[in-house]
Every structure is written in C-alpha cells, then in structure tokens.
C-alpha atoms as a PDB file:
ATOM      1  CA  UNK A   1      70.273 105.556 105.263  1.00  0.00           C
ATOM      2  CA  UNK A   2      68.919 101.880 104.586  1.00  0.00           C
ATOM      3  CA  UNK A   3      69.575  98.986 106.663  1.00  0.00           C
ATOM      4  CA  UNK A   4      72.764  97.080 105.700  1.00  0.00           C
ATOM      5  CA  UNK A   5      72.270  93.484 104.408  1.00  0.00           C
ATOM      6  CA  UNK A   6      75.653  92.159 105.392  1.00  0.00           C
ATOM      7  CA  UNK A   7      75.748  90.576 108.872  1.00  0.00           C
ATOM      8  CA  UNK A   8      77.577  93.038 111.566  1.00  0.00           C
ATOM      9  CA  UNK A   9      80.981  91.886 112.741  1.00  0.00           C
ATOM     10  CA  UNK A  10      82.195  94.292 115.604  1.00  0.00           C
ATOM     11  CA  UNK A  11      85.664  95.948 115.184  1.00  0.00           C
ATOM     12  CA  UNK A  12      88.264  95.579 117.771  1.00  0.00           C
ATOM     13  CA  UNK A  13      87.740  97.379 121.083  1.00  0.00           C
ATOM     14  CA  UNK A  14      91.054  99.104 120.578  1.00  0.00           C
ATOM     15  CA  UNK A  15      90.152 100.559 117.218  1.00  0.00           C
ATOM     16  CA  UNK A  16      86.861 101.642 118.522  1.00  0.00           C
ATOM     17  CA  UNK A  17      88.286 103.438 121.345  1.00  0.00           C
ATOM     18  CA  UNK A  18      90.835 105.087 119.234  1.00  0.00           C
ATOM     19  CA  UNK A  19      87.977 106.438 116.871  1.00  0.00           C
ATOM     20  CA  UNK A  20      85.708 107.576 120.026  1.00  0.00           C
ATOM     21  CA  UNK A  21      88.913 109.312 121.530  1.00  0.00           C
ATOM     22  CA  UNK A  22      89.601 111.082 118.270  1.00  0.00           C
ATOM     23  CA  UNK A  23      86.150 112.051 117.916  1.00  0.00           C
ATOM     24  CA  UNK A  24      86.024 113.746 121.230  1.00  0.00           C
ATOM     25  CA  UNK A  25      89.355 115.637 120.668  1.00  0.00           C
ATOM     26  CA  UNK A  26      88.534 116.612 117.101  1.00  0.00           C
ATOM     27  CA  UNK A  27      91.688 115.147 116.188  1.00  0.00           C
ATOM     28  CA  UNK A  28      92.494 114.557 112.334  1.00  0.00           C
ATOM     29  CA  UNK A  29      92.892 111.020 111.437  1.00  0.00           C
ATOM     30  CA  UNK A  30      93.758 109.041 108.274  1.00  0.00           C
ATOM     31  CA  UNK A  31      91.428 106.156 108.043  1.00  0.00           C
ATOM     32  CA  UNK A  32      92.388 103.015 106.082  1.00  0.00           C
ATOM     33  CA  UNK A  33      89.267 101.479 104.387  1.00  0.00           C
ATOM     34  CA  UNK A  34      88.501  98.344 103.030  1.00  0.00           C
ATOM     35  CA  UNK A  35      89.541  97.956  99.262  1.00  0.00           C
ATOM     36  CA  UNK A  36      92.688  99.804  99.682  1.00  0.00           C
ATOM     37  CA  UNK A  37      90.882 102.878 100.044  1.00  0.00           C
ATOM     38  CA  UNK A  38      91.980 105.942 102.671  1.00  0.00           C
ATOM     39  CA  UNK A  39      90.188 109.115 103.796  1.00  0.00           C
ATOM     40  CA  UNK A  40      91.531 111.871 105.957  1.00  0.00           C
ATOM     41  CA  UNK A  41      89.495 114.187 108.104  1.00  0.00           C
ATOM     42  CA  UNK A  42      87.870 114.681 111.512  1.00  0.00           C
ATOM     43  CA  UNK A  43      85.324 112.420 113.074  1.00  0.00           C
ATOM     44  CA  UNK A  44      82.443 114.563 114.036  1.00  0.00           C
ATOM     45  CA  UNK A  45      80.106 111.762 115.412  1.00  0.00           C
ATOM     46  CA  UNK A  46      80.019 108.003 116.294  1.00  0.00           C
ATOM     47  CA  UNK A  47      76.677 106.341 116.995  1.00  0.00           C
ATOM     48  CA  UNK A  48      74.792 103.053 116.800  1.00  0.00           C
ATOM     49  CA  UNK A  49      71.899 102.552 114.156  1.00  0.00           C
ATOM     50  CA  UNK A  50      70.350  99.520 112.388  1.00  0.00           C
ATOM     51  CA  UNK A  51      72.338  97.159 114.506  1.00  0.00           C
ATOM     52  CA  UNK A  52      75.749  98.724 113.380  1.00  0.00           C
ATOM     53  CA  UNK A  53      78.182 101.383 114.363  1.00  0.00           C
ATOM     54  CA  UNK A  54      78.695 104.390 112.232  1.00  0.00           C
ATOM     55  CA  UNK A  55      80.741 107.515 112.009  1.00  0.00           C
ATOM     56  CA  UNK A  56      80.538 110.737 110.415  1.00  0.00           C
ATOM     57  CA  UNK A  57      83.953 112.162 109.013  1.00  0.00           C
ATOM     58  CA  UNK A  58      84.358 115.581 107.893  1.00  0.00           C
ATOM     59  CA  UNK A  59      86.757 116.327 105.172  1.00  0.00           C
ATOM     60  CA  UNK A  60      87.750 119.934 104.562  1.00  0.00           C
ATOM     61  CA  UNK A  61      89.818 120.400 101.254  1.00  0.00           C
ATOM     62  CA  UNK A  62      90.724 124.115 100.768  1.00  0.00           C
ATOM     63  CA  UNK A  63      87.754 124.686  98.475  1.00  0.00           C
ATOM     64  CA  UNK A  64      84.709 122.925 100.091  1.00  0.00           C
ATOM     65  CA  UNK A  65      83.875 120.503 102.905  1.00  0.00           C
ATOM     66  CA  UNK A  66      82.314 117.021 102.378  1.00  0.00           C
ATOM     67  CA  UNK A  67      80.882 114.628 105.029  1.00  0.00           C
ATOM     68  CA  UNK A  68      81.275 110.866 104.763  1.00  0.00           C
ATOM     69  CA  UNK A  69      79.009 108.402 106.659  1.00  0.00           C
ATOM     70  CA  UNK A  70      81.191 105.207 107.414  1.00  0.00           C
ATOM     71  CA  UNK A  71      80.038 101.794 108.530  1.00  0.00           C
ATOM     72  CA  UNK A  72      82.817 100.932 111.036  1.00  0.00           C
ATOM     73  CA  UNK A  73      83.144  97.555 109.723  1.00  0.00           C
ATOM     74  CA  UNK A  74      84.689  99.170 106.569  1.00  0.00           C
ATOM     75  CA  UNK A  75      87.583 100.639 108.874  1.00  0.00           C
ATOM     76  CA  UNK A  76      90.693  98.415 108.953  1.00  0.00           C
ATOM     77  CA  UNK A  77      92.928 101.192 110.740  1.00  0.00           C
ATOM     78  CA  UNK A  78      93.484 104.646 111.825  1.00  0.00           C
ATOM     79  CA  UNK A  79      96.489 106.790 112.267  1.00  0.00           C
ATOM     80  CA  UNK A  80      96.789 110.374 113.740  1.00  0.00           C
ATOM     81  CA  UNK A  81      97.687 112.838 111.150  1.00  0.00           C
ATOM     82  CA  UNK A  82     100.586 115.145 112.295  1.00  0.00           C
ATOM     83  CA  UNK A  83     100.902 118.718 111.373  1.00  0.00           C
END
C-alpha cells in the first residue's frame, strides 16, 4: 500500500460509526462508492494508516472470496443487507 496523494477529508462521524459497528457485528453491508460504484460484503477491519482511514471488505460470491482495501473517503454511503 503506497501513500495516497490526495488530501484527506474525513467522512462524517455518523458514517464512520456505522462502518465500525458493522465491522464489530460482522453485518453484511452494501457500500455505495464514488463514481457510481457499489460493493456488497462484510467489513473485516477498520484502521488508520498513512494519515487516512481504511477498511477491508470481504466479498464472498458462491465460488470464491475476494478482499477489497477501501479508503474511507471513497465511501458515499452504507446500507444494511437484509437476508
């Protein structure tokens, strides 16, 4: 992981709290990302490094598992995934 070049602008406290709570509870989320992208999965970790905040999202399709490292500034929203 290399240091990002864009200045860090923190996300809202409400969104940050929602992400941390989802990580602690291992609750599936749909993350809405900048650029009209989205990912669905379980947050396995949230941490600070290189003056920014990050999360690791585990996505588990039927055939394999993928982990995504996401800068929290890329996240525009999060929604619980109902079974």
